Amino acid sequence: MERVRVAVPVLAAHAEATEDRGRIAPESLEAMREVGLYALGTPVGFSGTDVDLVTQVRAL
C-alpha cells in the first residue's frame, strides 16, 4: 500500500485534466504503472504481485 500512496499526489495534480479530457491523464497512467497497480492481480510467474482481492480493492 505504501507504493500505491506514492501515486496519489500525481493523480491529484492531474485530476482536473482527467476530468476535462474525459480520460485519465497520461501522467496519471504512468504513475499507476510505476507503482504496480496494473499488476496487482497478475501471478508472480507473469511479473505480477498476485495480491488478494481485498488488497486490490484497497489499492484501487
N, C-alpha and C. Protein backbone atom coordinates (compact mmCIF):
# COMPACT_ATOMS: atom_id res chain seq x y z
N MET A 1 0.82 -1.20 0.00
CA MET A 1 0.00 0.00 0.00
C MET A 1 0.87 1.27 0.00
N GLU A 2 2.04 1.19 0.61
CA GLU A 2 2.91 2.37 0.60
C GLU A 2 3.32 2.75 -0.82
N ARG A 3 3.58 1.77 -1.66
CA ARG A 3 3.94 2.06 -3.06
C ARG A 3 2.80 2.75 -3.76
N VAL A 4 1.58 2.32 -3.49
CA VAL A 4 0.41 2.90 -4.15
C VAL A 4 0.23 4.36 -3.73
N ARG A 5 0.50 4.65 -2.47
CA ARG A 5 0.33 6.02 -1.97
C ARG A 5 1.24 7.02 -2.68
N VAL A 6 2.34 6.54 -3.24
CA VAL A 6 3.26 7.41 -3.97
C VAL A 6 2.56 8.05 -5.18
N ALA A 7 1.61 7.34 -5.76
CA ALA A 7 0.92 7.85 -6.95
C ALA A 7 -0.14 8.89 -6.63
N VAL A 8 -0.58 8.98 -5.40
CA VAL A 8 -1.69 9.87 -5.05
C VAL A 8 -1.42 11.33 -5.41
N PRO A 9 -0.27 11.90 -5.08
CA PRO A 9 -0.04 13.31 -5.47
C PRO A 9 -0.09 13.53 -6.98
N VAL A 10 0.41 12.58 -7.74
CA VAL A 10 0.39 12.70 -9.20
C VAL A 10 -1.05 12.66 -9.70
N LEU A 11 -1.83 11.72 -9.17
CA LEU A 11 -3.24 11.62 -9.57
C LEU A 11 -4.00 12.89 -9.21
N ALA A 12 -3.74 13.41 -8.04
CA ALA A 12 -4.42 14.64 -7.60
C ALA A 12 -4.02 15.82 -8.48
N ALA A 13 -2.75 15.89 -8.84
CA ALA A 13 -2.26 17.00 -9.66
C ALA A 13 -2.86 17.00 -11.05
N HIS A 14 -3.25 15.84 -11.54
CA HIS A 14 -3.79 15.73 -12.89
C HIS A 14 -5.29 15.42 -12.92
N ALA A 15 -5.93 15.51 -11.78
CA ALA A 15 -7.36 15.20 -11.69
C ALA A 15 -8.20 16.12 -12.58
N GLU A 16 -7.89 17.40 -12.57
CA GLU A 16 -8.67 18.35 -13.38
C GLU A 16 -8.51 18.07 -14.87
N ALA A 17 -7.28 17.79 -15.29
CA ALA A 17 -7.04 17.47 -16.70
C ALA A 17 -7.78 16.19 -17.08
N THR A 18 -7.81 15.23 -16.17
CA THR A 18 -8.53 13.98 -16.41
C THR A 18 -10.02 14.26 -16.60
N GLU A 19 -10.57 15.09 -15.75
CA GLU A 19 -11.99 15.46 -15.87
C GLU A 19 -12.26 16.21 -17.17
N ASP A 20 -11.39 17.16 -17.49
CA ASP A 20 -11.59 17.98 -18.69
C ASP A 20 -11.52 17.14 -19.98
N ARG A 21 -10.59 16.20 -20.01
CA ARG A 21 -10.39 15.38 -21.22
C ARG A 21 -11.36 14.21 -21.31
N GLY A 22 -11.91 13.81 -20.17
CA GLY A 22 -12.79 12.65 -20.16
C GLY A 22 -12.03 11.34 -20.23
N ARG A 23 -10.74 11.38 -19.95
CA ARG A 23 -9.90 10.19 -19.89
C ARG A 23 -8.74 10.47 -18.94
N ILE A 24 -8.15 9.41 -18.45
CA ILE A 24 -7.07 9.56 -17.47
C ILE A 24 -5.86 10.20 -18.14
N ALA A 25 -5.30 11.20 -17.47
CA ALA A 25 -4.13 11.91 -18.00
C ALA A 25 -2.96 10.93 -18.13
N PRO A 26 -2.15 11.09 -19.17
CA PRO A 26 -1.01 10.20 -19.38
C PRO A 26 -0.07 10.13 -18.17
N GLU A 27 0.10 11.24 -17.49
CA GLU A 27 0.97 11.26 -16.30
C GLU A 27 0.41 10.37 -15.20
N SER A 28 -0.91 10.36 -15.07
CA SER A 28 -1.55 9.51 -14.07
C SER A 28 -1.41 8.03 -14.44
N LEU A 29 -1.61 7.72 -15.70
CA LEU A 29 -1.44 6.34 -16.16
C LEU A 29 -0.03 5.85 -15.89
N GLU A 30 0.95 6.68 -16.17
CA GLU A 30 2.35 6.31 -15.94
C GLU A 30 2.62 6.12 -14.44
N ALA A 31 2.08 7.00 -13.61
CA ALA A 31 2.27 6.86 -12.17
C ALA A 31 1.67 5.55 -11.66
N MET A 32 0.49 5.21 -12.16
CA MET A 32 -0.15 3.96 -11.75
C MET A 32 0.65 2.75 -12.21
N ARG A 33 1.23 2.84 -13.40
CA ARG A 33 2.07 1.76 -13.90
C ARG A 33 3.32 1.61 -13.04
N GLU A 34 3.94 2.74 -12.72
CA GLU A 34 5.18 2.72 -11.94
C GLU A 34 5.01 2.10 -10.56
N VAL A 35 3.86 2.32 -9.93
CA VAL A 35 3.66 1.75 -8.59
C VAL A 35 3.09 0.34 -8.63
N GLY A 36 2.80 -0.16 -9.82
CA GLY A 36 2.37 -1.53 -9.95
C GLY A 36 0.89 -1.80 -9.86
N LEU A 37 0.05 -0.79 -10.04
CA LEU A 37 -1.40 -1.01 -9.93
C LEU A 37 -1.93 -1.98 -10.97
N TYR A 38 -1.33 -2.01 -12.13
CA TYR A 38 -1.82 -2.89 -13.19
C TYR A 38 -1.43 -4.34 -12.98
N ALA A 39 -0.51 -4.60 -12.07
CA ALA A 39 -0.02 -5.96 -11.85
C ALA A 39 -0.55 -6.58 -10.55
N LEU A 40 -1.49 -5.93 -9.91
CA LEU A 40 -1.94 -6.40 -8.60
C LEU A 40 -2.47 -7.83 -8.62
N GLY A 41 -3.28 -8.17 -9.57
CA GLY A 41 -3.87 -9.50 -9.60
C GLY A 41 -3.16 -10.48 -10.51
N THR A 42 -2.08 -10.02 -11.10
CA THR A 42 -1.32 -10.88 -12.01
C THR A 42 -0.41 -11.80 -11.21
N PRO A 43 -0.37 -13.09 -11.56
CA PRO A 43 0.51 -14.02 -10.85
C PRO A 43 1.98 -13.60 -10.91
N VAL A 44 2.72 -13.92 -9.88
CA VAL A 44 4.13 -13.59 -9.81
C VAL A 44 4.89 -14.18 -11.00
N GLY A 45 4.51 -15.36 -11.44
CA GLY A 45 5.15 -16.00 -12.58
C GLY A 45 5.03 -15.21 -13.86
N PHE A 46 4.09 -14.28 -13.90
CA PHE A 46 3.90 -13.42 -15.06
C PHE A 46 4.27 -11.97 -14.73
N SER A 47 5.19 -11.80 -13.79
CA SER A 47 5.72 -10.49 -13.37
C SER A 47 4.71 -9.63 -12.63
N GLY A 48 3.73 -10.25 -11.99
CA GLY A 48 2.76 -9.52 -11.20
C GLY A 48 3.07 -9.57 -9.72
N THR A 49 2.16 -9.05 -8.92
CA THR A 49 2.33 -9.07 -7.47
C THR A 49 1.40 -10.08 -6.80
N ASP A 50 0.38 -10.54 -7.52
CA ASP A 50 -0.52 -11.60 -7.05
C ASP A 50 -1.07 -11.34 -5.65
N VAL A 51 -1.59 -10.12 -5.42
CA VAL A 51 -2.16 -9.82 -4.11
C VAL A 51 -3.62 -10.27 -4.07
N ASP A 52 -4.13 -10.43 -2.87
CA ASP A 52 -5.52 -10.88 -2.69
C ASP A 52 -6.50 -9.77 -3.10
N LEU A 53 -7.74 -10.16 -3.27
CA LEU A 53 -8.78 -9.24 -3.76
C LEU A 53 -8.99 -8.05 -2.82
N VAL A 54 -8.95 -8.28 -1.53
CA VAL A 54 -9.14 -7.18 -0.57
C VAL A 54 -8.05 -6.13 -0.75
N THR A 55 -6.83 -6.55 -0.91
CA THR A 55 -5.73 -5.61 -1.12
C THR A 55 -5.89 -4.87 -2.43
N GLN A 56 -6.33 -5.56 -3.47
CA GLN A 56 -6.56 -4.91 -4.76
C GLN A 56 -7.60 -3.80 -4.63
N VAL A 57 -8.71 -4.09 -3.95
CA VAL A 57 -9.77 -3.10 -3.78
C VAL A 57 -9.27 -1.91 -2.97
N ARG A 58 -8.52 -2.17 -1.91
CA ARG A 58 -7.97 -1.08 -1.10
C ARG A 58 -7.05 -0.19 -1.92
N ALA A 59 -6.22 -0.81 -2.73
CA ALA A 59 -5.27 -0.05 -3.54
C ALA A 59 -5.98 0.80 -4.58
N LEU A 60 -7.00 0.23 -5.19
CA LEU A 60 -7.70 0.96 -6.24
C LEU A 60 -8.66 1.97 -5.66
